[in-house]
Amino acid sequence: MNQNGSAAQQFKIFEQQEKESNRQVTGDWKWLIPPMSPATTHIYHQPIANIIKKPNYFYQKAPDNEMYLK
């Protein structure tokens, strides 16, 4: 668990690292802003593209257990 301000600062560092590597920062803005005083963070005042990039890790159906019982 992080405090809202420190999480926003960590995200700012992450953004800078991604920019230096010529990568776009994407995400769901609603999940990136802190719940308390979101307007006080840099994230609140900038648009963030909500794009799903592939390859990615996605949820998948659980494997069939019978295969492991044999």
N, C-alpha and C. Protein backbone atom coordinates (compact mmCIF):
# COMPACT_ATOMS: atom_id res chain seq x y z
N MET A 1 0.83 -1.18 0.00
CA MET A 1 0.00 0.00 0.00
C MET A 1 0.88 1.25 0.00
N ASN A 2 0.47 2.19 -0.80
CA ASN A 2 1.18 3.47 -0.88
C ASN A 2 0.24 4.59 -0.52
N GLN A 3 0.82 5.66 -0.05
CA GLN A 3 0.02 6.87 0.12
C GLN A 3 -0.21 7.45 -1.25
N ASN A 4 -1.31 8.18 -1.40
CA ASN A 4 -1.68 8.72 -2.70
C ASN A 4 -0.56 9.55 -3.33
N GLY A 5 0.04 10.42 -2.57
CA GLY A 5 1.09 11.29 -3.10
C GLY A 5 2.31 10.52 -3.54
N SER A 6 2.73 9.53 -2.76
CA SER A 6 3.93 8.78 -3.12
C SER A 6 3.66 7.89 -4.34
N ALA A 7 2.46 7.36 -4.46
CA ALA A 7 2.13 6.55 -5.63
C ALA A 7 2.15 7.42 -6.88
N ALA A 8 1.65 8.65 -6.78
CA ALA A 8 1.67 9.56 -7.92
C ALA A 8 3.10 9.92 -8.30
N GLN A 9 3.96 10.10 -7.32
CA GLN A 9 5.37 10.41 -7.60
C GLN A 9 6.07 9.22 -8.26
N GLN A 10 5.77 8.02 -7.79
CA GLN A 10 6.34 6.82 -8.41
C GLN A 10 5.87 6.69 -9.86
N PHE A 11 4.61 7.02 -10.10
CA PHE A 11 4.08 6.94 -11.46
C PHE A 11 4.75 7.99 -12.35
N LYS A 12 5.05 9.15 -11.79
CA LYS A 12 5.75 10.19 -12.56
C LYS A 12 7.13 9.70 -12.99
N ILE A 13 7.85 9.04 -12.10
CA ILE A 13 9.16 8.48 -12.44
C ILE A 13 9.00 7.42 -13.53
N PHE A 14 7.99 6.57 -13.40
CA PHE A 14 7.72 5.56 -14.42
C PHE A 14 7.45 6.22 -15.77
N GLU A 15 6.66 7.29 -15.78
CA GLU A 15 6.38 8.01 -17.03
C GLU A 15 7.66 8.54 -17.66
N GLN A 16 8.54 9.10 -16.85
CA GLN A 16 9.80 9.64 -17.36
C GLN A 16 10.66 8.53 -17.97
N GLN A 17 10.71 7.38 -17.30
CA GLN A 17 11.49 6.25 -17.81
C GLN A 17 10.92 5.74 -19.13
N GLU A 18 9.62 5.69 -19.24
CA GLU A 18 8.99 5.24 -20.47
C GLU A 18 9.24 6.24 -21.60
N LYS A 19 9.19 7.53 -21.28
CA LYS A 19 9.44 8.55 -22.30
C LYS A 19 10.88 8.45 -22.80
N GLU A 20 11.83 8.24 -21.91
CA GLU A 20 13.24 8.09 -22.30
C GLU A 20 13.45 6.88 -23.20
N SER A 21 12.59 5.86 -23.04
CA SER A 21 12.70 4.65 -23.86
C SER A 21 11.79 4.71 -25.09
N ASN A 22 11.23 5.90 -25.35
CA ASN A 22 10.34 6.11 -26.50
C ASN A 22 9.12 5.19 -26.49
N ARG A 23 8.55 4.99 -25.30
CA ARG A 23 7.33 4.19 -25.17
C ARG A 23 6.21 5.07 -24.66
N GLN A 24 5.00 4.81 -25.15
CA GLN A 24 3.83 5.56 -24.73
C GLN A 24 3.28 4.97 -23.44
N VAL A 25 2.92 5.82 -22.50
CA VAL A 25 2.29 5.38 -21.26
C VAL A 25 0.79 5.29 -21.53
N THR A 26 0.23 4.13 -21.28
CA THR A 26 -1.21 3.93 -21.46
C THR A 26 -1.81 3.42 -20.17
N GLY A 27 -3.10 3.56 -20.04
CA GLY A 27 -3.76 3.04 -18.86
C GLY A 27 -5.15 3.63 -18.71
N ASP A 28 -5.88 3.10 -17.78
CA ASP A 28 -7.23 3.58 -17.48
C ASP A 28 -7.10 4.72 -16.48
N TRP A 29 -7.35 5.93 -16.95
CA TRP A 29 -7.16 7.14 -16.15
C TRP A 29 -7.89 7.04 -14.82
N LYS A 30 -9.10 6.45 -14.82
CA LYS A 30 -9.89 6.34 -13.58
C LYS A 30 -9.16 5.53 -12.51
N TRP A 31 -8.34 4.57 -12.93
CA TRP A 31 -7.61 3.73 -11.98
C TRP A 31 -6.26 4.33 -11.61
N LEU A 32 -5.77 5.25 -12.39
CA LEU A 32 -4.45 5.83 -12.12
C LEU A 32 -4.49 7.01 -11.17
N ILE A 33 -5.62 7.73 -11.13
CA ILE A 33 -5.69 8.87 -10.23
C ILE A 33 -6.01 8.39 -8.82
N PRO A 34 -5.47 9.05 -7.81
CA PRO A 34 -5.75 8.64 -6.43
C PRO A 34 -7.18 9.02 -6.04
N PRO A 35 -7.78 8.30 -5.10
CA PRO A 35 -9.15 8.58 -4.69
C PRO A 35 -9.30 9.88 -3.88
N MET A 36 -8.26 10.26 -3.16
CA MET A 36 -8.32 11.47 -2.34
C MET A 36 -7.51 12.58 -2.99
N SER A 37 -8.11 13.71 -3.22
CA SER A 37 -7.45 14.89 -3.80
C SER A 37 -6.76 14.59 -5.12
N PRO A 38 -7.46 14.01 -6.07
CA PRO A 38 -6.80 13.67 -7.33
C PRO A 38 -6.30 14.89 -8.11
N ALA A 39 -6.96 16.03 -7.95
CA ALA A 39 -6.57 17.22 -8.72
C ALA A 39 -5.22 17.78 -8.28
N THR A 40 -4.70 17.32 -7.16
CA THR A 40 -3.40 17.82 -6.69
C THR A 40 -2.23 17.06 -7.31
N THR A 41 -2.52 16.03 -8.09
CA THR A 41 -1.45 15.25 -8.72
C THR A 41 -1.31 15.63 -10.19
N HIS A 42 -0.15 15.37 -10.75
CA HIS A 42 0.10 15.69 -12.16
C HIS A 42 -0.73 14.80 -13.09
N ILE A 43 -1.11 13.64 -12.61
CA ILE A 43 -1.84 12.68 -13.44
C ILE A 43 -3.22 13.23 -13.81
N TYR A 44 -3.84 13.93 -12.89
CA TYR A 44 -5.21 14.41 -13.07
C TYR A 44 -5.33 15.33 -14.28
N HIS A 45 -4.32 16.11 -14.54
CA HIS A 45 -4.39 17.15 -15.56
C HIS A 45 -3.82 16.74 -16.92
N GLN A 46 -3.62 15.46 -17.13
CA GLN A 46 -3.09 15.05 -18.43
C GLN A 46 -3.90 13.89 -18.98
N PRO A 47 -4.06 13.87 -20.29
CA PRO A 47 -4.77 12.73 -20.89
C PRO A 47 -3.87 11.51 -20.96
N ILE A 48 -4.44 10.35 -20.72
CA ILE A 48 -3.70 9.09 -20.81
C ILE A 48 -4.53 8.16 -21.70
N ALA A 49 -3.93 7.66 -22.75
CA ALA A 49 -4.64 6.79 -23.68
C ALA A 49 -4.95 5.45 -23.03
N ASN A 50 -6.21 5.04 -23.13
CA ASN A 50 -6.64 3.75 -22.58
C ASN A 50 -6.60 2.73 -23.71
N ILE A 51 -5.40 2.23 -24.00
CA ILE A 51 -5.17 1.31 -25.10
C ILE A 51 -4.64 -0.01 -24.53
N ILE A 52 -5.18 -1.12 -25.02
CA ILE A 52 -4.67 -2.43 -24.62
C ILE A 52 -3.63 -2.84 -25.65
N LYS A 53 -2.41 -3.02 -25.19
CA LYS A 53 -1.32 -3.40 -26.09
C LYS A 53 -1.09 -4.90 -26.03
N LYS A 54 -0.67 -5.45 -27.16
CA LYS A 54 -0.38 -6.89 -27.24
C LYS A 54 1.01 -7.05 -27.80
N PRO A 55 1.78 -8.02 -27.36
CA PRO A 55 1.41 -9.09 -26.44
C PRO A 55 1.21 -8.56 -25.03
N ASN A 56 0.41 -9.29 -24.27
CA ASN A 56 0.04 -8.87 -22.93
C ASN A 56 -0.31 -10.11 -22.12
N TYR A 57 -0.44 -9.93 -20.83
CA TYR A 57 -0.91 -11.00 -19.96
C TYR A 57 -2.40 -10.81 -19.77
N PHE A 58 -3.17 -11.82 -20.16
CA PHE A 58 -4.62 -11.77 -20.03
C PHE A 58 -5.08 -12.91 -19.16
N TYR A 59 -6.26 -12.73 -18.53
CA TYR A 59 -6.85 -13.83 -17.79
C TYR A 59 -7.24 -14.92 -18.77
N GLN A 60 -7.11 -16.15 -18.34
CA GLN A 60 -7.51 -17.26 -19.19
C GLN A 60 -8.25 -18.30 -18.37
N LYS A 61 -8.95 -19.15 -19.06
CA LYS A 61 -9.70 -20.21 -18.41
C LYS A 61 -8.74 -21.12 -17.66
N ALA A 62 -9.15 -21.58 -16.48
CA ALA A 62 -8.33 -22.50 -15.69
C ALA A 62 -8.13 -23.80 -16.46
N PRO A 63 -6.96 -24.43 -16.34
CA PRO A 63 -6.71 -25.69 -17.05
C PRO A 63 -7.61 -26.80 -16.52
N ASP A 64 -7.86 -27.76 -17.37
CA ASP A 64 -8.69 -28.92 -17.00
C ASP A 64 -7.92 -29.75 -15.97
N ASN A 65 -8.50 -29.94 -14.81
CA ASN A 65 -7.81 -30.66 -13.72
C ASN A 65 -7.61 -32.13 -14.03
N GLU A 66 -8.46 -32.71 -14.88
CA GLU A 66 -8.33 -34.13 -15.20
C GLU A 66 -6.98 -34.42 -15.86
N MET A 67 -6.48 -33.47 -16.60
CA MET A 67 -5.20 -33.65 -17.27
C MET A 67 -4.08 -33.87 -16.24
N TYR A 68 -4.18 -33.24 -15.09
CA TYR A 68 -3.14 -33.34 -14.07
C TYR A 68 -3.32 -34.55 -13.15
N LEU A 69 -4.49 -35.16 -13.19
CA LEU A 69 -4.75 -36.31 -12.32
C LEU A 69 -4.26 -37.60 -12.91
N LYS A 70 -3.96 -37.65 -14.18
CA LYS A 70 -3.53 -38.88 -14.84
C LYS A 70 -2.10 -39.18 -14.57
